[in-house]
Amino acid sequence: MMPDKLEDVDAVLIDLDGTIFVGDKLVPGAADAIASLRRGNIPMRFGTNISRMPRTALV
């Protein structure tokens, strides 16, 4: 899933629902993937179109 060379990645846009979590459960491997991006100093932005949860629940 992760490229061998993180230096080839400029930035990542990540959808939250179904990619990082499903319902109230973290998707397996999601935390490790985010940690790898952080270690590689890769800028990340998170987005979602979830309307069933208030913004404060997502933060």
N, C-alpha and C. Protein backbone atom coordinates (compact mmCIF):
# COMPACT_ATOMS: atom_id res chain seq x y z
N MET A 1 0.82 -1.19 0.00
CA MET A 1 0.00 0.00 0.00
C MET A 1 0.87 1.25 0.00
N MET A 2 1.93 1.28 0.81
CA MET A 2 2.80 2.45 0.87
C MET A 2 3.85 2.35 -0.23
N PRO A 3 4.13 3.44 -0.92
CA PRO A 3 5.20 3.41 -1.91
C PRO A 3 6.54 3.17 -1.23
N ASP A 4 7.47 2.53 -1.97
CA ASP A 4 8.79 2.28 -1.42
C ASP A 4 9.52 3.58 -1.12
N LYS A 5 9.28 4.59 -1.93
CA LYS A 5 9.96 5.87 -1.78
C LYS A 5 8.96 6.95 -1.42
N LEU A 6 8.89 7.26 -0.15
CA LEU A 6 7.96 8.30 0.27
C LEU A 6 8.35 9.66 -0.28
N GLU A 7 9.63 9.83 -0.65
CA GLU A 7 10.03 11.12 -1.21
C GLU A 7 9.35 11.40 -2.55
N ASP A 8 8.79 10.37 -3.18
CA ASP A 8 8.06 10.56 -4.43
C ASP A 8 6.63 11.05 -4.20
N VAL A 9 6.20 11.08 -2.94
CA VAL A 9 4.84 11.50 -2.60
C VAL A 9 4.88 12.94 -2.12
N ASP A 10 4.12 13.81 -2.79
CA ASP A 10 4.08 15.23 -2.41
C ASP A 10 3.13 15.48 -1.25
N ALA A 11 1.98 14.84 -1.27
CA ALA A 11 0.97 15.03 -0.23
C ALA A 11 -0.09 13.94 -0.40
N VAL A 12 -0.92 13.78 0.63
CA VAL A 12 -1.95 12.75 0.59
C VAL A 12 -3.27 13.36 1.08
N LEU A 13 -4.33 13.09 0.34
CA LEU A 13 -5.69 13.46 0.74
C LEU A 13 -6.39 12.16 1.11
N ILE A 14 -6.89 12.09 2.34
CA ILE A 14 -7.44 10.84 2.86
C ILE A 14 -8.90 11.05 3.24
N ASP A 15 -9.77 10.19 2.70
CA ASP A 15 -11.16 10.17 3.12
C ASP A 15 -11.24 9.43 4.45
N LEU A 16 -12.01 9.92 5.38
CA LEU A 16 -12.07 9.31 6.71
C LEU A 16 -12.96 8.07 6.76
N ASP A 17 -14.21 8.20 6.34
CA ASP A 17 -15.19 7.12 6.50
C ASP A 17 -14.91 5.98 5.53
N GLY A 18 -14.58 4.82 6.08
CA GLY A 18 -14.30 3.65 5.26
C GLY A 18 -12.83 3.49 4.93
N THR A 19 -12.04 4.52 5.18
CA THR A 19 -10.60 4.47 4.91
C THR A 19 -9.82 4.48 6.22
N ILE A 20 -10.21 5.34 7.13
CA ILE A 20 -9.57 5.44 8.44
C ILE A 20 -10.44 4.76 9.50
N PHE A 21 -11.73 4.92 9.40
CA PHE A 21 -12.63 4.24 10.33
C PHE A 21 -13.90 3.81 9.62
N VAL A 22 -14.54 2.80 10.21
CA VAL A 22 -15.86 2.35 9.77
C VAL A 22 -16.72 2.33 11.03
N GLY A 23 -17.76 3.14 11.03
CA GLY A 23 -18.55 3.29 12.26
C GLY A 23 -17.67 3.93 13.32
N ASP A 24 -17.52 3.24 14.45
CA ASP A 24 -16.64 3.76 15.50
C ASP A 24 -15.37 2.93 15.63
N LYS A 25 -15.05 2.13 14.62
CA LYS A 25 -13.87 1.25 14.65
C LYS A 25 -12.81 1.73 13.67
N LEU A 26 -11.57 1.73 14.13
CA LEU A 26 -10.43 2.08 13.28
C LEU A 26 -10.18 0.96 12.28
N VAL A 27 -9.94 1.30 11.03
CA VAL A 27 -9.64 0.31 9.99
C VAL A 27 -8.25 -0.26 10.27
N PRO A 28 -8.08 -1.59 10.22
CA PRO A 28 -6.77 -2.18 10.46
C PRO A 28 -5.72 -1.60 9.50
N GLY A 29 -4.59 -1.20 10.07
CA GLY A 29 -3.50 -0.65 9.27
C GLY A 29 -3.56 0.86 9.09
N ALA A 30 -4.69 1.47 9.40
CA ALA A 30 -4.84 2.92 9.18
C ALA A 30 -3.87 3.72 10.05
N ALA A 31 -3.77 3.38 11.31
CA ALA A 31 -2.88 4.12 12.21
C ALA A 31 -1.42 3.97 11.77
N ASP A 32 -1.04 2.76 11.34
CA ASP A 32 0.33 2.53 10.86
C ASP A 32 0.61 3.33 9.60
N ALA A 33 -0.36 3.40 8.71
CA ALA A 33 -0.18 4.16 7.46
C ALA A 33 0.00 5.64 7.76
N ILE A 34 -0.81 6.17 8.67
CA ILE A 34 -0.68 7.58 9.03
C ILE A 34 0.66 7.84 9.72
N ALA A 35 1.08 6.92 10.58
CA ALA A 35 2.37 7.06 11.26
C ALA A 35 3.51 7.06 10.24
N SER A 36 3.43 6.21 9.22
CA SER A 36 4.46 6.18 8.17
C SER A 36 4.52 7.50 7.42
N LEU A 37 3.36 8.04 7.11
CA LEU A 37 3.32 9.33 6.42
C LEU A 37 3.90 10.43 7.29
N ARG A 38 3.60 10.40 8.57
CA ARG A 38 4.16 11.40 9.49
C ARG A 38 5.67 11.28 9.58
N ARG A 39 6.16 10.04 9.69
CA ARG A 39 7.62 9.84 9.75
C ARG A 39 8.29 10.34 8.48
N GLY A 40 7.60 10.23 7.36
CA GLY A 40 8.14 10.70 6.09
C GLY A 40 7.89 12.18 5.85
N ASN A 41 7.31 12.86 6.83
CA ASN A 41 6.99 14.29 6.71
C ASN A 41 6.12 14.58 5.49
N ILE A 42 5.20 13.68 5.20
CA ILE A 42 4.28 13.84 4.08
C ILE A 42 3.06 14.63 4.56
N PRO A 43 2.76 15.76 3.94
CA PRO A 43 1.57 16.52 4.33
C PRO A 43 0.31 15.70 4.08
N MET A 44 -0.62 15.76 5.03
CA MET A 44 -1.88 15.02 4.92
C MET A 44 -3.04 15.97 5.18
N ARG A 45 -4.10 15.74 4.47
CA ARG A 45 -5.36 16.42 4.73
C ARG A 45 -6.43 15.34 4.76
N PHE A 46 -7.37 15.51 5.65
CA PHE A 46 -8.44 14.54 5.81
C PHE A 46 -9.75 15.19 5.41
N GLY A 47 -10.58 14.43 4.74
CA GLY A 47 -11.87 14.93 4.32
C GLY A 47 -12.93 13.86 4.49
N THR A 48 -14.16 14.28 4.49
CA THR A 48 -15.27 13.34 4.56
C THR A 48 -16.55 14.05 4.16
N ASN A 49 -17.53 13.28 3.79
CA ASN A 49 -18.84 13.85 3.51
C ASN A 49 -19.88 13.24 4.46
N ILE A 50 -19.41 12.83 5.63
CA ILE A 50 -20.30 12.25 6.63
C ILE A 50 -21.25 13.33 7.14
N SER A 51 -22.53 13.09 7.02
CA SER A 51 -23.50 14.06 7.53
C SER A 51 -24.16 13.56 8.81
N ARG A 52 -23.92 12.31 9.17
CA ARG A 52 -24.57 11.74 10.35
C ARG A 52 -23.82 12.03 11.65
N MET A 53 -22.62 12.63 11.55
CA MET A 53 -21.83 12.94 12.74
C MET A 53 -21.52 14.43 12.79
N PRO A 54 -21.59 15.03 13.98
CA PRO A 54 -21.21 16.44 14.08
C PRO A 54 -19.70 16.60 13.91
N ARG A 55 -19.26 17.76 13.48
CA ARG A 55 -17.83 18.02 13.28
C ARG A 55 -17.02 17.71 14.53
N THR A 56 -17.56 18.04 15.68
CA THR A 56 -16.81 17.81 16.92
C THR A 56 -16.53 16.33 17.16
N ALA A 57 -17.37 15.45 16.64
CA ALA A 57 -17.15 14.01 16.80
C ALA A 57 -16.02 13.53 15.90
N LEU A 58 -15.76 14.24 14.82
CA LEU A 58 -14.71 13.85 13.88
C LEU A 58 -13.34 14.34 14.32
N VAL A 59 -13.30 15.41 15.06
CA VAL A 59 -12.04 16.00 15.49
C VAL A 59 -11.54 15.26 16.66
